[in-house]
């Protein structure tokens, strides 16, 4: 997420789990700020359910709701970007290989 948009108060477990009847209220869901990573802040949402057979669907529903809450709070998730800088200079001459349509640069 963009650092300038990081309001810690907007990352609440209740915002992301409310309305999901599969999530138990006791023990209460909780969110932890776990770590800093390349182009990321890592959070962990912990919650419980009695319906383990639906856990994959519950996780998907939670991720959709998390994205919605972040968007509503103006928090953008940046995607990694790479800038490539090409320096001009002298290139070595191309050498023709046996196949005239291919060149080898050394």
PDB file of N, CA and C in Angstrom:
ATOM      1  N   UNK A   1       0.838  -1.169   0.000  1.00  0.00           N
ATOM      2  CA  UNK A   1       0.000   0.000   0.000  1.00  0.00           C
ATOM      3  C   UNK A   1       0.879   1.227   0.000  1.00  0.00           C
ATOM      4  N   UNK A   2       0.379   2.301  -0.478  1.00  0.00           N
ATOM      5  CA  UNK A   2       1.147   3.533  -0.472  1.00  0.00           C
ATOM      6  C   UNK A   2       1.322   3.986   0.969  1.00  0.00           C
ATOM      7  N   UNK A   3       2.564   4.286   1.324  1.00  0.00           N
ATOM      8  CA  UNK A   3       2.866   4.665   2.697  1.00  0.00           C
ATOM      9  C   UNK A   3       2.076   5.888   3.141  1.00  0.00           C
ATOM     10  N   UNK A   4       1.891   6.848   2.254  1.00  0.00           N
ATOM     11  CA  UNK A   4       1.188   8.064   2.651  1.00  0.00           C
ATOM     12  C   UNK A   4      -0.281   7.806   2.961  1.00  0.00           C
ATOM     13  N   UNK A   5      -0.805   6.671   2.517  1.00  0.00           N
ATOM     14  CA  UNK A   5      -2.211   6.342   2.736  1.00  0.00           C
ATOM     15  C   UNK A   5      -2.424   5.365   3.884  1.00  0.00           C
ATOM     16  N   UNK A   6      -1.436   5.177   4.733  1.00  0.00           N
ATOM     17  CA  UNK A   6      -1.531   4.125   5.736  1.00  0.00           C
ATOM     18  C   UNK A   6      -2.119   4.617   7.056  1.00  0.00           C
ATOM     19  N   UNK A   7      -3.436   4.586   7.186  1.00  0.00           N
ATOM     20  CA  UNK A   7      -4.017   4.873   8.495  1.00  0.00           C
ATOM     21  C   UNK A   7      -4.203   3.557   9.240  1.00  0.00           C
ATOM     22  N   UNK A   8      -3.455   3.360  10.306  1.00  0.00           N
ATOM     23  CA  UNK A   8      -3.522   2.093  11.036  1.00  0.00           C
ATOM     24  C   UNK A   8      -4.942   1.801  11.506  1.00  0.00           C
ATOM     25  N   UNK A   9      -5.711   2.832  11.774  1.00  0.00           N
ATOM     26  CA  UNK A   9      -7.070   2.623  12.273  1.00  0.00           C
ATOM     27  C   UNK A   9      -7.991   1.981  11.233  1.00  0.00           C
ATOM     28  N   UNK A  10      -7.613   2.052   9.953  1.00  0.00           N
ATOM     29  CA  UNK A  10      -8.484   1.486   8.926  1.00  0.00           C
ATOM     30  C   UNK A  10      -8.295  -0.014   8.776  1.00  0.00           C
ATOM     31  N   UNK A  11      -7.288  -0.556   9.448  1.00  0.00           N
ATOM     32  CA  UNK A  11      -7.049  -1.999   9.372  1.00  0.00           C
ATOM     33  C   UNK A  11      -7.578  -2.618  10.658  1.00  0.00           C
ATOM     34  N   UNK A  12      -8.858  -2.915  10.649  1.00  0.00           N
ATOM     35  CA  UNK A  12      -9.512  -3.507  11.812  1.00  0.00           C
ATOM     36  C   UNK A  12     -10.142  -4.818  11.401  1.00  0.00           C
ATOM     37  N   UNK A  13     -10.025  -5.792  12.264  1.00  0.00           N
ATOM     38  CA  UNK A  13     -10.601  -7.094  11.931  1.00  0.00           C
ATOM     39  C   UNK A  13     -12.113  -7.002  11.764  1.00  0.00           C
ATOM     40  N   UNK A  14     -12.770  -6.170  12.568  1.00  0.00           N
ATOM     41  CA  UNK A  14     -14.217  -6.062  12.486  1.00  0.00           C
ATOM     42  C   UNK A  14     -14.693  -5.539  11.150  1.00  0.00           C
ATOM     43  N   UNK A  15     -13.912  -4.651  10.540  1.00  0.00           N
ATOM     44  CA  UNK A  15     -14.301  -4.108   9.243  1.00  0.00           C
ATOM     45  C   UNK A  15     -14.335  -5.196   8.174  1.00  0.00           C
ATOM     46  N   UNK A  16     -13.470  -6.160   8.303  1.00  0.00           N
ATOM     47  CA  UNK A  16     -13.325  -7.178   7.256  1.00  0.00           C
ATOM     48  C   UNK A  16     -14.137  -8.442   7.524  1.00  0.00           C
ATOM     49  N   UNK A  17     -14.522  -8.651   8.777  1.00  0.00           N
ATOM     50  CA  UNK A  17     -15.220  -9.897   9.101  1.00  0.00           C
ATOM     51  C   UNK A  17     -16.707  -9.704   9.395  1.00  0.00           C
ATOM     52  N   UNK A  18     -17.134  -8.448   9.544  1.00  0.00           N
ATOM     53  CA  UNK A  18     -18.549  -8.225   9.882  1.00  0.00           C
ATOM     54  C   UNK A  18     -19.432  -8.714   8.735  1.00  0.00           C
ATOM     55  N   UNK A  19     -20.537  -9.285   9.107  1.00  0.00           N
ATOM     56  CA  UNK A  19     -21.457  -9.780   8.100  1.00  0.00           C
ATOM     57  C   UNK A  19     -21.142 -11.185   7.616  1.00  0.00           C
ATOM     58  N   UNK A  20     -19.972 -11.718   7.958  1.00  0.00           N
ATOM     59  CA  UNK A  20     -19.628 -13.082   7.554  1.00  0.00           C
ATOM     60  C   UNK A  20     -20.065 -14.017   8.676  1.00  0.00           C
ATOM     61  N   UNK A  21     -21.169 -14.708   8.454  1.00  0.00           N
ATOM     62  CA  UNK A  21     -21.750 -15.556   9.491  1.00  0.00           C
ATOM     63  C   UNK A  21     -20.904 -16.790   9.804  1.00  0.00           C
ATOM     64  N   UNK A  22     -19.928 -17.088   8.961  1.00  0.00           N
ATOM     65  CA  UNK A  22     -19.066 -18.253   9.186  1.00  0.00           C
ATOM     66  C   UNK A  22     -17.953 -17.965  10.192  1.00  0.00           C
ATOM     67  N   UNK A  23     -17.705 -16.687  10.488  1.00  0.00           N
ATOM     68  CA  UNK A  23     -16.629 -16.308  11.399  1.00  0.00           C
ATOM     69  C   UNK A  23     -17.170 -16.233  12.816  1.00  0.00           C
ATOM     70  N   UNK A  24     -16.490 -16.924  13.737  1.00  0.00           N
ATOM     71  CA  UNK A  24     -16.911 -16.911  15.132  1.00  0.00           C
ATOM     72  C   UNK A  24     -16.571 -15.570  15.785  1.00  0.00           C
ATOM     73  N   UNK A  25     -17.424 -15.129  16.700  1.00  0.00           N
ATOM     74  CA  UNK A  25     -17.176 -13.895  17.444  1.00  0.00           C
ATOM     75  C   UNK A  25     -16.319 -14.161  18.684  1.00  0.00           C
ATOM     76  N   UNK A  26     -16.258 -15.432  19.123  1.00  0.00           N
ATOM     77  CA  UNK A  26     -15.438 -15.801  20.267  1.00  0.00           C
ATOM     78  C   UNK A  26     -14.681 -17.078  19.951  1.00  0.00           C
ATOM     79  N   UNK A  27     -13.385 -17.054  19.844  1.00  0.00           N
ATOM     80  CA  UNK A  27     -12.519 -15.897  20.072  1.00  0.00           C
ATOM     81  C   UNK A  27     -12.695 -14.861  18.956  1.00  0.00           C
ATOM     82  N   UNK A  28     -12.535 -13.614  19.337  1.00  0.00           N
ATOM     83  CA  UNK A  28     -12.737 -12.509  18.403  1.00  0.00           C
ATOM     84  C   UNK A  28     -11.652 -12.484  17.335  1.00  0.00           C
ATOM     85  N   UNK A  29     -11.999 -12.099  16.101  1.00  0.00           N
ATOM     86  CA  UNK A  29     -10.983 -11.936  15.054  1.00  0.00           C
ATOM     87  C   UNK A  29      -9.984 -10.844  15.456  1.00  0.00           C
ATOM     88  N   UNK A  30      -8.761 -10.970  14.974  1.00  0.00           N
ATOM     89  CA  UNK A  30      -7.741  -9.964  15.276  1.00  0.00           C
ATOM     90  C   UNK A  30      -6.816  -9.795  14.087  1.00  0.00           C
ATOM     91  N   UNK A  31      -6.228  -8.596  13.996  1.00  0.00           N
ATOM     92  CA  UNK A  31      -5.296  -8.261  12.918  1.00  0.00           C
ATOM     93  C   UNK A  31      -3.965  -7.905  13.534  1.00  0.00           C
ATOM     94  N   UNK A  32      -2.877  -8.412  12.931  1.00  0.00           N
ATOM     95  CA  UNK A  32      -1.528  -8.121  13.388  1.00  0.00           C
ATOM     96  C   UNK A  32      -0.712  -7.551  12.238  1.00  0.00           C
ATOM     97  N   UNK A  33       0.039  -6.505  12.534  1.00  0.00           N
ATOM     98  CA  UNK A  33       1.009  -5.976  11.564  1.00  0.00           C
ATOM     99  C   UNK A  33       2.266  -6.805  11.758  1.00  0.00           C
ATOM    100  N   UNK A  34       2.559  -7.679  10.786  1.00  0.00           N
ATOM    101  CA  UNK A  34       3.607  -8.681  10.943  1.00  0.00           C
ATOM    102  C   UNK A  34       5.001  -8.197  10.567  1.00  0.00           C
ATOM    103  N   UNK A  35       5.115  -7.473   9.418  1.00  0.00           N
ATOM    104  CA  UNK A  35       6.471  -7.181   8.955  1.00  0.00           C
ATOM    105  C   UNK A  35       6.446  -6.200   7.794  1.00  0.00           C
ATOM    106  N   UNK A  36       7.633  -5.697   7.480  1.00  0.00           N
ATOM    107  CA  UNK A  36       7.871  -4.904   6.283  1.00  0.00           C
ATOM    108  C   UNK A  36       8.481  -5.844   5.246  1.00  0.00           C
ATOM    109  N   UNK A  37       8.088  -5.703   3.992  1.00  0.00           N
ATOM    110  CA  UNK A  37       8.645  -6.527   2.923  1.00  0.00           C
ATOM    111  C   UNK A  37       8.865  -5.648   1.701  1.00  0.00           C
ATOM    112  N   UNK A  38       9.502  -6.211   0.674  1.00  0.00           N
ATOM    113  CA  UNK A  38       9.702  -5.470  -0.566  1.00  0.00           C
ATOM    114  C   UNK A  38       8.347  -5.064  -1.124  1.00  0.00           C
ATOM    115  N   UNK A  39       8.121  -3.791  -1.243  1.00  0.00           N
ATOM    116  CA  UNK A  39       6.879  -3.242  -1.808  1.00  0.00           C
ATOM    117  C   UNK A  39       5.631  -3.699  -1.059  1.00  0.00           C
ATOM    118  N   UNK A  40       5.746  -3.983   0.244  1.00  0.00           N
ATOM    119  CA  UNK A  40       4.569  -4.483   0.956  1.00  0.00           C
ATOM    120  C   UNK A  40       4.678  -4.255   2.458  1.00  0.00           C
ATOM    121  N   UNK A  41       3.523  -4.124   3.070  1.00  0.00           N
ATOM    122  CA  UNK A  41       3.374  -4.202   4.519  1.00  0.00           C
ATOM    123  C   UNK A  41       2.595  -5.487   4.761  1.00  0.00           C
ATOM    124  N   UNK A  42       3.088  -6.348   5.630  1.00  0.00           N
ATOM    125  CA  UNK A  42       2.460  -7.654   5.821  1.00  0.00           C
ATOM    126  C   UNK A  42       1.587  -7.663   7.072  1.00  0.00           C
ATOM    127  N   UNK A  43       0.319  -7.981   6.869  1.00  0.00           N
ATOM    128  CA  UNK A  43      -0.643  -8.095   7.948  1.00  0.00           C
ATOM    129  C   UNK A  43      -1.142  -9.527   8.008  1.00  0.00           C
ATOM    130  N   UNK A  44      -1.626  -9.909   9.160  1.00  0.00           N
ATOM    131  CA  UNK A  44      -2.229 -11.233   9.313  1.00  0.00           C
ATOM    132  C   UNK A  44      -3.575 -11.073  10.003  1.00  0.00           C
ATOM    133  N   UNK A  45      -4.607 -11.624   9.393  1.00  0.00           N
ATOM    134  CA  UNK A  45      -5.947 -11.638   9.979  1.00  0.00           C
ATOM    135  C   UNK A  45      -6.166 -13.029  10.555  1.00  0.00           C
ATOM    136  N   UNK A  46      -6.467 -13.083  11.844  1.00  0.00           N
ATOM    137  CA  UNK A  46      -6.748 -14.364  12.489  1.00  0.00           C
ATOM    138  C   UNK A  46      -8.218 -14.396  12.896  1.00  0.00           C
ATOM    139  N   UNK A  47      -8.890 -15.444  12.459  1.00  0.00           N
ATOM    140  CA  UNK A  47     -10.291 -15.626  12.830  1.00  0.00           C
ATOM    141  C   UNK A  47     -10.587 -17.119  12.841  1.00  0.00           C
ATOM    142  N   UNK A  48     -11.712 -17.453  13.442  1.00  0.00           N
ATOM    143  CA  UNK A  48     -12.074 -18.845  13.641  1.00  0.00           C
ATOM    144  C   UNK A  48     -13.433 -19.144  13.030  1.00  0.00           C
ATOM    145  N   UNK A  49     -13.588 -20.407  12.645  1.00  0.00           N
ATOM    146  CA  UNK A  49     -14.867 -20.887  12.128  1.00  0.00           C
ATOM    147  C   UNK A  49     -15.100 -22.310  12.616  1.00  0.00           C
ATOM    148  N   UNK A  50     -16.349 -22.696  12.681  1.00  0.00           N
ATOM    149  CA  UNK A  50     -16.681 -24.082  13.003  1.00  0.00           C
ATOM    150  C   UNK A  50     -16.869 -24.908  11.732  1.00  0.00           C
ATOM    151  N   UNK A  51     -16.904 -24.225  10.593  1.00  0.00           N
ATOM    152  CA  UNK A  51     -17.199 -24.872   9.326  1.00  0.00           C
ATOM    153  C   UNK A  51     -15.919 -25.027   8.505  1.00  0.00           C
ATOM    154  N   UNK A  52     -15.071 -25.965   8.903  1.00  0.00           N
ATOM    155  CA  UNK A  52     -13.787 -26.151   8.226  1.00  0.00           C
ATOM    156  C   UNK A  52     -13.957 -26.586   6.771  1.00  0.00           C
ATOM    157  N   UNK A  53     -15.033 -27.272   6.444  1.00  0.00           N
ATOM    158  CA  UNK A  53     -15.256 -27.725   5.063  1.00  0.00           C
ATOM    159  C   UNK A  53     -15.398 -26.558   4.086  1.00  0.00           C
ATOM    160  N   UNK A  54     -15.774 -25.401   4.583  1.00  0.00           N
ATOM    161  CA  UNK A  54     -15.941 -24.217   3.731  1.00  0.00           C
ATOM    162  C   UNK A  54     -14.791 -23.229   3.873  1.00  0.00           C
ATOM    163  N   UNK A  55     -13.682 -23.633   4.467  1.00  0.00           N
ATOM    164  CA  UNK A  55     -12.592 -22.702   4.780  1.00  0.00           C
ATOM    165  C   UNK A  55     -12.048 -21.999   3.537  1.00  0.00           C
ATOM    166  N   UNK A  56     -11.919 -22.678   2.423  1.00  0.00           N
ATOM    167  CA  UNK A  56     -11.414 -22.024   1.211  1.00  0.00           C
ATOM    168  C   UNK A  56     -12.362 -20.923   0.740  1.00  0.00           C
ATOM    169  N   UNK A  57     -13.652 -21.180   0.779  1.00  0.00           N
ATOM    170  CA  UNK A  57     -14.633 -20.163   0.392  1.00  0.00           C
ATOM    171  C   UNK A  57     -14.631 -19.001   1.388  1.00  0.00           C
ATOM    172  N   UNK A  58     -14.497 -19.320   2.676  1.00  0.00           N
ATOM    173  CA  UNK A  58     -14.450 -18.275   3.711  1.00  0.00           C
ATOM    174  C   UNK A  58     -13.229 -17.385   3.493  1.00  0.00           C
ATOM    175  N   UNK A  59     -12.074 -17.974   3.209  1.00  0.00           N
ATOM    176  CA  UNK A  59     -10.870 -17.191   2.946  1.00  0.00           C
ATOM    177  C   UNK A  59     -11.059 -16.279   1.734  1.00  0.00           C
ATOM    178  N   UNK A  60     -11.652 -16.816   0.692  1.00  0.00           N
ATOM    179  CA  UNK A  60     -11.907 -16.016  -0.504  1.00  0.00           C
ATOM    180  C   UNK A  60     -12.834 -14.845  -0.179  1.00  0.00           C
ATOM    181  N   UNK A  61     -13.912 -15.122   0.557  1.00  0.00           N
ATOM    182  CA  UNK A  61     -14.846 -14.062   0.937  1.00  0.00           C
ATOM    183  C   UNK A  61     -14.152 -12.992   1.763  1.00  0.00           C
ATOM    184  N   UNK A  62     -13.279 -13.399   2.687  1.00  0.00           N
ATOM    185  CA  UNK A  62     -12.556 -12.440   3.516  1.00  0.00           C
ATOM    186  C   UNK A  62     -11.624 -11.573   2.669  1.00  0.00           C
ATOM    187  N   UNK A  63     -10.927 -12.166   1.715  1.00  0.00           N
ATOM    188  CA  UNK A  63     -10.015 -11.398   0.851  1.00  0.00           C
ATOM    189  C   UNK A  63     -10.779 -10.375   0.010  1.00  0.00           C
ATOM    190  N   UNK A  64     -11.929 -10.765  -0.491  1.00  0.00           N
ATOM    191  CA  UNK A  64     -12.761  -9.834  -1.258  1.00  0.00           C
ATOM    192  C   UNK A  64     -13.188  -8.676  -0.367  1.00  0.00           C
ATOM    193  N   UNK A  65     -13.588  -8.973   0.852  1.00  0.00           N
ATOM    194  CA  UNK A  65     -14.019  -7.923   1.788  1.00  0.00           C
ATOM    195  C   UNK A  65     -12.843  -7.040   2.200  1.00  0.00           C
ATOM    196  N   UNK A  66     -11.665  -7.628   2.402  1.00  0.00           N
ATOM    197  CA  UNK A  66     -10.469  -6.836   2.747  1.00  0.00           C
ATOM    198  C   UNK A  66     -10.156  -5.855   1.629  1.00  0.00           C
ATOM    199  N   UNK A  67     -10.193  -6.315   0.389  1.00  0.00           N
ATOM    200  CA  UNK A  67      -9.912  -5.424  -0.751  1.00  0.00           C
ATOM    201  C   UNK A  67     -10.931  -4.298  -0.791  1.00  0.00           C
ATOM    202  N   UNK A  68     -12.189  -4.601  -0.524  1.00  0.00           N
ATOM    203  CA  UNK A  68     -13.252  -3.590  -0.530  1.00  0.00           C
ATOM    204  C   UNK A  68     -13.007  -2.546   0.563  1.00  0.00           C
ATOM    205  N   UNK A  69     -12.675  -2.988   1.776  1.00  0.00           N
ATOM    206  CA  UNK A  69     -12.435  -2.065   2.893  1.00  0.00           C
ATOM    207  C   UNK A  69     -11.224  -1.177   2.604  1.00  0.00           C
ATOM    208  N   UNK A  70     -10.165  -1.762   2.055  1.00  0.00           N
ATOM    209  CA  UNK A  70      -8.982  -0.963   1.713  1.00  0.00           C
ATOM    210  C   UNK A  70      -9.339   0.108   0.679  1.00  0.00           C
ATOM    211  N   UNK A  71     -10.065  -0.303  -0.354  1.00  0.00           N
ATOM    212  CA  UNK A  71     -10.466   0.637  -1.408  1.00  0.00           C
ATOM    213  C   UNK A  71     -11.332   1.758  -0.831  1.00  0.00           C
ATOM    214  N   UNK A  72     -12.282   1.413   0.026  1.00  0.00           N
ATOM    215  CA  UNK A  72     -13.156   2.412   0.639  1.00  0.00           C
ATOM    216  C   UNK A  72     -12.386   3.407   1.502  1.00  0.00           C
ATOM    217  N   UNK A  73     -11.241   2.980   2.054  1.00  0.00           N
ATOM    218  CA  UNK A  73     -10.427   3.844   2.896  1.00  0.00           C
ATOM    219  C   UNK A  73      -9.320   4.548   2.106  1.00  0.00           C
ATOM    220  N   UNK A  74      -9.362   4.431   0.781  1.00  0.00           N
ATOM    221  CA  UNK A  74      -8.379   5.116  -0.053  1.00  0.00           C
ATOM    222  C   UNK A  74      -6.990   4.513  -0.003  1.00  0.00           C
ATOM    223  N   UNK A  75      -6.886   3.269   0.401  1.00  0.00           N
ATOM    224  CA  UNK A  75      -5.578   2.607   0.480  1.00  0.00           C
ATOM    225  C   UNK A  75      -5.352   1.847  -0.814  1.00  0.00           C
ATOM    226  N   UNK A  76      -4.277   2.205  -1.507  1.00  0.00           N
ATOM    227  CA  UNK A  76      -3.934   1.548  -2.764  1.00  0.00           C
ATOM    228  C   UNK A  76      -2.871   0.492  -2.518  1.00  0.00           C
ATOM    229  N   UNK A  77      -2.983  -0.610  -3.216  1.00  0.00           N
ATOM    230  CA  UNK A  77      -1.964  -1.653  -3.150  1.00  0.00           C
ATOM    231  C   UNK A  77      -1.113  -1.517  -4.400  1.00  0.00           C
ATOM    232  N   UNK A  78       0.128  -1.057  -4.256  1.00  0.00           N
ATOM    233  CA  UNK A  78       0.969  -0.882  -5.436  1.00  0.00           C
ATOM    234  C   UNK A  78       1.493  -2.223  -5.934  1.00  0.00           C
ATOM    235  N   UNK A  79       1.659  -2.300  -7.225  1.00  0.00           N
ATOM    236  CA  UNK A  79       2.240  -3.488  -7.813  1.00  0.00           C
ATOM    237  C   UNK A  79       3.716  -3.208  -8.061  1.00  0.00           C
ATOM    238  N   UNK A  80       4.565  -4.227  -7.876  1.00  0.00           N
ATOM    239  CA  UNK A  80       6.005  -4.008  -8.084  1.00  0.00           C
ATOM    240  C   UNK A  80       6.278  -3.489  -9.493  1.00  0.00           C
ATOM    241  N   UNK A  81       7.188  -2.540  -9.582  1.00  0.00           N
ATOM    242  CA  UNK A  81       7.564  -1.968 -10.862  1.00  0.00           C
ATOM    243  C   UNK A  81       9.081  -1.997 -10.978  1.00  0.00           C
ATOM    244  N   UNK A  82       9.550  -2.126 -12.187  1.00  0.00           N
ATOM    245  CA  UNK A  82      10.981  -2.103 -12.457  1.00  0.00           C
ATOM    246  C   UNK A  82      11.253  -1.051 -13.520  1.00  0.00           C
ATOM    247  N   UNK A  83      12.176  -0.161 -13.227  1.00  0.00           N
ATOM    248  CA  UNK A  83      12.606   0.828 -14.214  1.00  0.00           C
ATOM    249  C   UNK A  83      13.866   0.314 -14.890  1.00  0.00           C
ATOM    250  N   UNK A  84      13.885   0.361 -16.204  1.00  0.00           N
ATOM    251  CA  UNK A  84      15.052  -0.069 -16.969  1.00  0.00           C
ATOM    252  C   UNK A  84      15.676   1.164 -17.599  1.00  0.00           C
ATOM    253  N   UNK A  85      16.933   1.393 -17.312  1.00  0.00           N
ATOM    254  CA  UNK A  85      17.666   2.524 -17.877  1.00  0.00           C
ATOM    255  C   UNK A  85      18.658   1.975 -18.890  1.00  0.00           C
ATOM    256  N   UNK A  86      18.566   2.460 -20.106  1.00  0.00           N
ATOM    257  CA  UNK A  86      19.462   2.012 -21.171  1.00  0.00           C
ATOM    258  C   UNK A  86      20.484   3.114 -21.404  1.00  0.00           C
ATOM    259  N   UNK A  87      21.732   2.751 -21.214  1.00  0.00           N
ATOM    260  CA  UNK A  87      22.801   3.715 -21.424  1.00  0.00           C
ATOM    261  C   UNK A  87      23.294   3.597 -22.855  1.00  0.00           C
ATOM    262  N   UNK A  88      23.464   4.737 -23.485  1.00  0.00           N
ATOM    263  CA  UNK A  88      24.002   4.703 -24.843  1.00  0.00           C
ATOM    264  C   UNK A  88      25.514   4.633 -24.755  1.00  0.00           C
ATOM    265  N   UNK A  89      26.108   4.097 -25.751  1.00  0.00           N
ATOM    266  CA  UNK A  89      27.557   3.955 -25.773  1.00  0.00           C
ATOM    267  C   UNK A  89      27.974   3.141 -26.972  1.00  0.00           C
ATOM    268  N   UNK A  90      29.227   2.860 -27.044  1.00  0.00           N
ATOM    269  CA  UNK A  90      29.746   2.067 -28.161  1.00  0.00           C
ATOM    270  C   UNK A  90      29.374   0.603 -27.976  1.00  0.00           C
ATOM    271  N   UNK A  91      28.777   0.035 -28.998  1.00  0.00           N
ATOM    272  CA  UNK A  91      28.458  -1.387 -28.998  1.00  0.00           C
ATOM    273  C   UNK A  91      29.484  -2.106 -29.848  1.00  0.00           C
ATOM    274  N   UNK A  92      29.777  -3.305 -29.465  1.00  0.00           N
ATOM    275  CA  UNK A  92      30.681  -4.110 -30.289  1.00  0.00           C
ATOM    276  C   UNK A  92      29.943  -4.511 -31.554  1.00  0.00           C
ATOM    277  N   UNK A  93      30.655  -4.656 -32.655  1.00  0.00           N
ATOM    278  CA  UNK A  93      29.983  -5.016 -33.914  1.00  0.00           C
ATOM    279  C   UNK A  93      29.326  -6.389 -33.823  1.00  0.00           C
ATOM    280  N   UNK A  94      28.238  -6.530 -34.564  1.00  0.00           N
ATOM    281  CA  UNK A  94      27.529  -7.802 -34.608  1.00  0.00           C
ATOM    282  C   UNK A  94      28.305  -8.789 -35.455  1.00  0.00           C
ATOM    283  N   UNK A  95      28.302 -10.032 -35.047  1.00  0.00           N
ATOM    284  CA  UNK A  95      28.976 -11.096 -35.792  1.00  0.00           C
ATOM    285  C   UNK A  95      27.905 -12.010 -36.358  1.00  0.00           C
ATOM    286  N   UNK A  96      27.972 -12.258 -37.681  1.00  0.00           N
ATOM    287  CA  UNK A  96      26.990 -13.134 -38.313  1.00  0.00           C
ATOM    288  C   UNK A  96      27.289 -14.584 -37.966  1.00  0.00           C
ATOM    289  N   UNK A  97      26.211 -15.309 -37.678  1.00  0.00           N
ATOM    290  CA  UNK A  97      26.329 -16.744 -37.448  1.00  0.00           C
ATOM    291  C   UNK A  97      26.054 -17.458 -38.763  1.00  0.00           C
ATOM    292  N   UNK A  98      26.066 -18.776 -38.737  1.00  0.00           N
ATOM    293  CA  UNK A  98      25.791 -19.552 -39.951  1.00  0.00           C
ATOM    294  C   UNK A  98      24.413 -19.243 -40.520  1.00  0.00           C
ATOM    295  N   UNK A  99      23.467 -18.975 -39.661  1.00  0.00           N
ATOM    296  CA  UNK A  99      22.117 -18.644 -40.097  1.00  0.00           C
ATOM    297  C   UNK A  99      22.083 -17.131 -40.333  1.00  0.00           C
ATOM    298  N   UNK A 100      21.957 -16.678 -41.562  1.00  0.00           N
ATOM    299  CA  UNK A 100      22.032 -15.244 -41.860  1.00  0.00           C
ATOM    300  C   UNK A 100      20.924 -14.421 -41.212  1.00  0.00           C
ATOM    301  N   UNK A 101      19.874 -15.071 -40.751  1.00  0.00           N
ATOM    302  CA  UNK A 101      18.784 -14.306 -40.135  1.00  0.00           C
ATOM    303  C   UNK A 101      19.054 -14.034 -38.652  1.00  0.00           C
ATOM    304  N   UNK A 102      20.128 -14.616 -38.104  1.00  0.00           N
ATOM    305  CA  UNK A 102      20.423 -14.439 -36.678  1.00  0.00           C
ATOM    306  C   UNK A 102      21.739 -13.705 -36.506  1.00  0.00           C
ATOM    307  N   UNK A 103      21.787 -12.868 -35.533  1.00  0.00           N
ATOM    308  CA  UNK A 103      23.009 -12.154 -35.205  1.00  0.00           C
ATOM    309  C   UNK A 103      23.424 -12.477 -33.786  1.00  0.00           C
ATOM    310  N   UNK A 104      24.697 -12.413 -33.553  1.00  0.00           N
ATOM    311  CA  UNK A 104      25.237 -12.620 -32.218  1.00  0.00           C
ATOM    312  C   UNK A 104      25.982 -11.359 -31.827  1.00  0.00           C
ATOM    313  N   UNK A 105      25.588 -10.764 -30.706  1.00  0.00           N
ATOM    314  CA  UNK A 105      26.281  -9.575 -30.223  1.00  0.00           C
ATOM    315  C   UNK A 105      27.222  -9.994 -29.112  1.00  0.00           C
ATOM    316  N   UNK A 106      28.453  -9.523 -29.224  1.00  0.00           N
ATOM    317  CA  UNK A 106      29.393  -9.868 -28.162  1.00  0.00           C
ATOM    318  C   UNK A 106      29.860  -8.654 -27.450  1.00  0.00           C
TER     319      UNK A 106
END
